[in-house]
Protein backbone atom coordinates (compact mmCIF):
# COMPACT_ATOMS: atom_id res chain seq x y z
CA UNK A 1 2.79 7.55 -3.86
CA UNK A 2 5.16 4.74 -4.89
CA UNK A 3 7.39 7.20 -6.72
CA UNK A 4 7.38 9.67 -3.83
CA UNK A 5 8.38 6.85 -1.48
CA UNK A 6 11.15 5.81 -3.85
CA UNK A 7 12.45 9.38 -4.22
CA UNK A 8 12.45 9.86 -0.45
CA UNK A 9 14.18 6.55 0.15
CA UNK A 10 16.83 7.37 -2.46
CA UNK A 11 17.38 10.81 -0.87
CA UNK A 12 17.81 9.15 2.53
CA UNK A 13 20.30 6.65 1.09
CA UNK A 14 22.31 9.24 -0.82
CA UNK A 15 22.42 11.64 2.15
CA UNK A 16 24.15 8.88 4.10
CA UNK A 17 26.50 7.90 1.29
CA UNK A 18 25.08 4.39 0.98
CA UNK A 19 24.87 2.31 -2.17
CA UNK A 20 21.65 0.52 -3.04
CA UNK A 21 23.38 -2.70 -2.10
CA UNK A 22 24.41 -1.37 1.33
CA UNK A 23 20.90 -0.13 2.08
CA UNK A 24 19.44 -3.42 0.87
CA UNK A 25 21.66 -5.22 3.39
CA UNK A 26 20.44 -2.94 6.19
CA UNK A 27 16.83 -3.60 5.20
CA UNK A 28 17.30 -7.32 4.61
CA UNK A 29 16.18 -7.24 0.96
CA UNK A 30 17.83 -7.96 -2.39
CA UNK A 31 19.54 -5.05 -4.17
CA UNK A 32 17.37 -5.45 -7.27
CA UNK A 33 14.27 -5.13 -5.09
CA UNK A 34 15.77 -1.96 -3.61
CA UNK A 35 16.26 -0.53 -7.11
CA UNK A 36 12.65 -1.28 -8.00
CA UNK A 37 11.43 0.44 -4.84
CA UNK A 38 13.53 3.54 -5.56
CA UNK A 39 12.22 3.72 -9.13
CA UNK A 40 8.62 3.42 -7.89
CA UNK A 41 8.12 0.11 -9.67
CA UNK A 42 7.23 -1.90 -6.58
CA UNK A 43 3.76 -1.84 -5.10
CA UNK A 44 4.59 -1.82 -1.41
CA UNK A 45 2.16 -2.87 1.26
CA UNK A 46 1.65 -0.62 4.26
CA UNK A 47 3.40 -3.28 6.31
CA UNK A 48 6.46 -3.04 4.03
CA UNK A 49 6.53 0.74 4.34
CA UNK A 50 6.27 0.42 8.11
CA UNK A 51 9.05 -2.18 8.25
CA UNK A 52 11.43 -0.12 6.10
CA UNK A 53 10.77 3.03 8.13
CA UNK A 54 11.26 1.16 11.39
CA UNK A 55 14.62 -0.27 10.30
CA UNK A 56 15.76 3.22 9.26
CA UNK A 57 14.39 4.79 12.46
CA UNK A 58 12.09 7.07 10.46
CA UNK A 59 8.43 7.98 10.62
CA UNK A 60 6.67 6.14 7.75
CA UNK A 61 4.90 9.38 6.79
CA UNK A 62 8.26 11.02 6.10
CA UNK A 63 8.93 8.44 3.42
CA UNK A 64 5.48 8.91 1.86
CA UNK A 65 5.48 12.71 1.60
CA UNK A 66 5.55 14.16 -1.92
C-alpha cells in the first residue's frame, strides 16, 4: 500500500510538472521526506494520507489505489 501511494503521488506530481521539492513545499514537508514517500519507504499514518490528499484536493482513496 505504501508503494502504491508513492506511485500515485509521483504520477500526480509528474502530471503537473512539479519537482519533488515543489510538491514538498505545497504539502509543507521536507523534500527528502517527499522522496521517501514516493519510494514507498515511509510508513504513513491514515492522518498523513488524509492531510496530503486534502492539500492536493484529492480523495484519499485515489492515492491508495493499486
